Amino acid sequence: MVVDVDELLHALADSTRRDIVRRCLGEAASVSRLAASYPMSFAAVQKHVAVLERAGLVSKERRGREQLVRSRIDAVRQARDALDQLESTWRARVERMSDLLSGEGDEQHERDQR
């Protein structure tokens, strides 16, 4: 599964959704059990789970009358990798800007021109 970074960041932008991912890492939890943990309606928790499911961070499985939610550890790892790549990209950009502002970029450019 390829991670859509926009969907991923949207899904993880909410503290309730991050908490749902954490709660469902070890074992599956029913949507009703999750809903009991938050000061919001059952329908609101279902919507949070749907956002996480679209982002690929959780999967749902029907067991009898309940829907069990389980975090997808492989997707969580891919999310971490995607965020690590973004961090690396931005660190390199900040370092380059710092070099340019300190004048080191100009010196490097001059050496490259020779």
Protein backbone atom coordinates (compact mmCIF):
# COMPACT_ATOMS: atom_id res chain seq x y z
CA MET A 1 0.00 0.00 0.00
CA VAL A 2 1.29 3.42 -0.94
CA VAL A 3 0.73 6.13 1.64
CA ASP A 4 -1.06 9.28 0.46
CA VAL A 5 0.77 11.87 2.55
CA ASP A 6 -2.11 14.36 2.39
CA GLU A 7 -4.61 11.76 3.66
CA LEU A 8 -2.12 10.64 6.28
CA LEU A 9 -1.49 14.12 7.62
CA HIS A 10 -5.19 14.90 7.62
CA ALA A 11 -5.93 11.70 9.54
CA LEU A 12 -3.19 12.29 12.10
CA ALA A 13 -3.98 15.99 12.56
CA ASP A 14 -6.67 15.19 15.11
CA SER A 15 -5.72 14.07 18.64
CA THR A 16 -8.74 11.74 18.89
CA ARG A 17 -7.71 9.93 15.72
CA ARG A 18 -4.11 9.61 16.93
CA ASP A 19 -5.45 8.15 20.17
CA ILE A 20 -7.65 5.67 18.29
CA VAL A 21 -4.62 4.46 16.33
CA ARG A 22 -2.69 4.02 19.60
CA ARG A 23 -5.55 2.19 21.33
CA CYS A 24 -5.96 -0.24 18.46
CA LEU A 25 -2.28 -1.11 17.99
CA GLY A 26 -2.15 -3.94 20.51
CA GLU A 27 -5.58 -5.43 20.00
CA ALA A 28 -8.72 -4.67 18.08
CA ALA A 29 -11.37 -2.55 19.76
CA SER A 30 -15.03 -2.26 18.92
CA VAL A 31 -16.30 1.09 17.74
CA SER A 32 -18.72 1.11 20.68
CA ARG A 33 -15.88 0.55 23.17
CA LEU A 34 -13.89 3.33 21.53
CA ALA A 35 -16.93 5.64 21.63
CA ALA A 36 -17.25 5.10 25.38
CA SER A 37 -13.74 6.53 25.80
CA TYR A 38 -14.47 9.93 24.28
CA PRO A 39 -16.82 12.80 25.15
CA MET A 40 -18.56 12.63 21.77
CA SER A 41 -21.29 10.68 20.06
CA PHE A 42 -20.96 7.19 18.65
CA ALA A 43 -21.50 8.68 15.17
CA ALA A 44 -18.61 11.12 15.67
CA VAL A 45 -16.27 8.27 16.61
CA GLN A 46 -17.45 6.33 13.56
CA LYS A 47 -16.52 9.33 11.39
CA HIS A 48 -13.05 9.48 12.96
CA VAL A 49 -12.58 5.76 12.28
CA ALA A 50 -13.71 6.30 8.66
CA VAL A 51 -11.05 9.00 8.18
CA LEU A 52 -8.39 6.65 9.59
CA GLU A 53 -9.63 3.83 7.38
CA ARG A 54 -9.47 6.02 4.23
CA ALA A 55 -5.89 6.91 5.13
CA GLY A 56 -5.12 3.19 5.52
CA LEU A 57 -4.13 3.49 9.17
CA VAL A 58 -6.84 1.17 10.50
CA SER A 59 -8.99 -1.64 9.18
CA LYS A 60 -12.47 -2.66 10.28
CA GLU A 61 -13.74 -6.18 10.65
CA ARG A 62 -17.32 -7.12 11.38
CA ARG A 63 -17.68 -9.66 14.17
CA GLY A 64 -21.31 -10.33 14.92
CA ARG A 65 -23.02 -7.03 15.67
CA GLU A 66 -19.76 -5.23 16.37
CA GLN A 67 -17.23 -3.64 14.10
CA LEU A 68 -13.71 -4.19 15.37
CA VAL A 69 -11.06 -1.62 14.58
CA ARG A 70 -7.44 -2.64 14.32
CA SER A 71 -4.47 -0.42 13.55
CA ARG A 72 -2.49 -1.53 10.53
CA ILE A 73 1.08 -1.70 11.83
CA ASP A 74 2.48 -1.79 8.29
CA ALA A 75 0.62 1.43 7.46
CA VAL A 76 1.82 3.03 10.69
CA ARG A 77 5.39 2.12 9.69
CA GLN A 78 4.84 3.55 6.21
CA ALA A 79 3.44 6.69 7.81
CA ARG A 80 6.56 6.99 9.94
CA ASP A 81 8.75 6.48 6.86
CA ALA A 82 6.81 9.13 4.92
CA LEU A 83 7.17 11.58 7.80
CA ASP A 84 10.88 10.75 8.12
CA GLN A 85 11.33 11.52 4.41
CA LEU A 86 9.53 14.84 4.81
CA GLU A 87 11.72 15.66 7.80
CA SER A 88 14.87 14.83 5.83
CA THR A 89 13.77 16.96 2.89
CA TRP A 90 12.97 19.96 5.08
CA ARG A 91 16.14 19.61 7.16
CA ALA A 92 18.19 19.68 3.94
CA ARG A 93 16.30 22.76 2.74
CA VAL A 94 16.79 24.57 6.03
CA GLU A 95 20.50 23.67 6.01
CA ARG A 96 20.82 24.98 2.45
CA MET A 97 19.05 28.23 3.39
CA SER A 98 21.30 28.58 6.40
CA ASP A 99 24.37 28.13 4.18
CA LEU A 100 23.08 30.72 1.72
CA LEU A 101 22.35 33.21 4.49
CA SER A 102 25.78 32.75 6.05
CA GLY A 103 27.51 33.21 2.69
CA GLU A 104 28.85 29.65 2.48
CA GLY A 105 26.50 28.96 -0.40
CA ASP A 106 28.13 31.76 -2.41
CA GLU A 107 31.60 30.33 -1.81
CA GLN A 108 30.45 26.86 -2.83
CA HIS A 109 28.78 28.28 -5.94
CA GLU A 110 32.02 30.11 -6.90
CA ARG A 111 34.05 26.88 -6.44
CA ASP A 112 31.55 24.98 -8.55
CA GLN A 113 31.86 27.58 -11.33
CA ARG A 114 35.65 27.14 -11.63
